[in-house]
Protein backbone atom coordinates (compact mmCIF):
# COMPACT_ATOMS: atom_id res chain seq x y z
CA MET A 1 -11.09 16.91 50.73
CA ASN A 2 -14.23 17.65 49.30
CA GLU A 3 -11.81 18.65 45.88
CA ASN A 4 -9.97 15.30 46.00
CA SER A 5 -13.06 13.34 45.95
CA LYS A 6 -14.68 15.29 42.80
CA LYS A 7 -10.85 14.55 41.11
CA GLN A 8 -11.61 10.78 41.80
CA LEU A 9 -15.34 10.78 40.55
CA LYS A 10 -14.33 12.39 37.07
CA LYS A 11 -13.43 9.61 34.48
CA THR A 12 -13.97 11.24 31.38
CA GLY A 13 -11.48 12.00 28.64
CA ARG A 14 -8.31 10.31 27.21
CA PRO A 15 -6.38 7.67 29.78
CA LEU A 16 -3.41 9.00 31.09
CA LYS A 17 -0.11 7.67 29.86
CA ASN A 18 2.06 6.11 32.24
CA ASP A 19 5.39 7.91 30.70
CA PRO A 20 4.13 10.88 28.60
CA ALA A 21 6.58 12.74 26.43
CA LYS A 22 6.52 16.32 27.68
CA ILE A 23 10.30 17.22 27.19
CA ARG A 24 10.45 19.53 23.66
CA TYR A 25 13.54 20.68 21.83
CA THR A 26 13.51 23.10 18.96
CA ILE A 27 15.75 23.20 15.92
CA SER A 28 16.29 25.51 12.85
CA PHE A 29 17.15 25.02 9.41
CA ASN A 30 18.21 27.08 6.65
CA GLN A 31 16.65 26.61 3.05
CA GLU A 32 19.00 24.58 2.00
CA GLU A 33 18.97 21.91 5.08
CA HIS A 34 15.31 22.25 5.14
CA ALA A 35 14.84 21.03 1.61
CA ARG A 36 17.53 18.29 2.26
CA PHE A 37 15.33 17.30 5.56
CA LEU A 38 12.04 17.20 3.50
CA ALA A 39 13.72 14.87 0.84
CA LEU A 40 14.85 12.56 3.56
CA PHE A 41 11.56 12.58 5.39
CA ASP A 42 9.59 12.01 1.90
CA LYS A 43 12.02 8.89 1.13
CA SER A 44 11.12 7.50 4.35
CA GLY A 45 7.47 7.04 3.88
CA MET A 46 6.97 8.13 7.38
CA GLN A 47 3.78 10.26 8.02
CA VAL A 48 4.92 11.98 11.26
CA LYS A 49 7.93 14.00 11.29
CA ALA A 50 8.60 14.09 14.97
CA HIS A 51 9.18 10.09 14.65
CA PHE A 52 11.40 10.58 11.58
CA ILE A 53 13.71 12.91 13.87
CA THR A 54 13.50 10.65 16.94
CA SER A 55 14.28 7.19 14.49
CA CYS A 56 17.37 9.44 13.14
CA ILE A 57 18.34 10.57 16.74
CA PHE A 58 18.58 7.06 18.08
CA ASN A 59 19.77 5.27 14.97
CA LYS A 60 16.61 3.16 14.26
CA THR A 61 15.94 1.83 10.78
CA ILE A 62 14.14 4.17 8.43
CA LYS A 63 12.19 2.44 5.75
CA SER A 64 13.04 4.00 2.20
CA VAL A 65 10.59 3.42 -0.34
CA HIS A 66 11.32 4.29 -4.14
CA ILE A 67 8.60 3.80 -6.77
CA ASP A 68 10.01 3.24 -10.31
CA LYS A 69 7.16 4.40 -12.95
CA GLY A 70 8.30 2.65 -15.69
CA THR A 71 8.17 -1.02 -13.48
CA VAL A 72 4.35 0.00 -12.39
CA ASP A 73 3.76 0.77 -16.28
CA PHE A 74 5.01 -2.46 -17.40
CA TYR A 75 3.35 -4.69 -14.43
CA MET A 76 -0.04 -2.67 -15.42
CA ARG A 77 0.39 -3.90 -19.17
CA LEU A 78 1.66 -7.21 -18.07
CA THR A 79 -1.76 -7.46 -16.04
CA SER A 80 -3.65 -6.55 -18.85
CA PHE A 81 -2.34 -8.83 -21.14
CA HIS A 82 -2.35 -11.91 -18.88
CA SER A 83 -6.22 -10.96 -18.31
CA GLN A 84 -6.82 -10.61 -22.13
CA PHE A 85 -5.07 -14.04 -22.51
CA ARG A 86 -7.12 -15.72 -19.81
CA SER A 87 -10.53 -14.28 -21.31
CA ILE A 88 -9.52 -15.83 -24.87
CA GLY A 89 -8.70 -19.13 -23.46
CA VAL A 90 -12.47 -19.13 -21.38
CA ASN A 91 -14.01 -18.22 -24.78
CA TYR A 92 -12.11 -21.17 -26.58
CA ASN A 93 -13.46 -23.53 -24.04
CA GLN A 94 -16.97 -22.41 -24.25
CA ILE A 95 -16.90 -22.73 -28.10
CA VAL A 96 -15.42 -26.16 -27.92
CA LYS A 97 -18.20 -27.18 -25.14
CA LEU A 98 -20.67 -25.88 -27.24
CA LEU A 99 -19.40 -27.80 -30.40
CA TYR A 100 -19.39 -31.05 -29.03
CA LYS A 101 -22.47 -30.15 -27.29
CA SER A 102 -24.48 -29.32 -30.51
CA PHE A 103 -22.77 -31.45 -33.26
CA SER A 104 -21.15 -34.82 -33.92
CA GLU A 105 -17.65 -35.57 -32.51
CA LYS A 106 -16.34 -35.70 -36.21
CA LYS A 107 -18.32 -32.70 -37.34
CA ALA A 108 -17.15 -30.51 -34.16
CA SER A 109 -13.40 -31.66 -34.59
CA ALA A 110 -13.64 -30.39 -37.96
CA TYR A 111 -14.94 -27.39 -36.90
CA LEU A 112 -12.34 -26.93 -34.54
CA TYR A 113 -9.61 -27.53 -36.96
CA LYS A 114 -10.67 -24.33 -39.06
CA LEU A 115 -10.72 -22.46 -35.56
C-alpha cells in the first residue's frame, strides 16, 4: 500500500495520453520502392514520415506542393518593378510640392512642364 501512495504523489513528466499508440508495424523496401516512397513523401510537404504513411493507409488527403522557379523569379522581378515605380511616384510628388511651395504657380507649372 505504501508503493501505491508513492505512485499517486509523483506527478512529474509528460501527462499520459488517453489512447497511446503502442502497436507498431515494420515494412521493407527495395531501392526502387524506397526512392519512390521518398519522392511521394517530399511532394506531400509533410514533416513526419509516420504521419504520411498513416494518411496513405487511411485515405486521408495528402497535400502536394509544387514550386515553379520561373514563377517565383517573375514574382520577384514584378515586386521589384512595383517598388521602383512607387518610389518614382513618391519622388515626383515631393518635387511637385517643393516647386509649388518655393515658386509662384506659373513658374512652378513651367518647371513641371519641362520635367
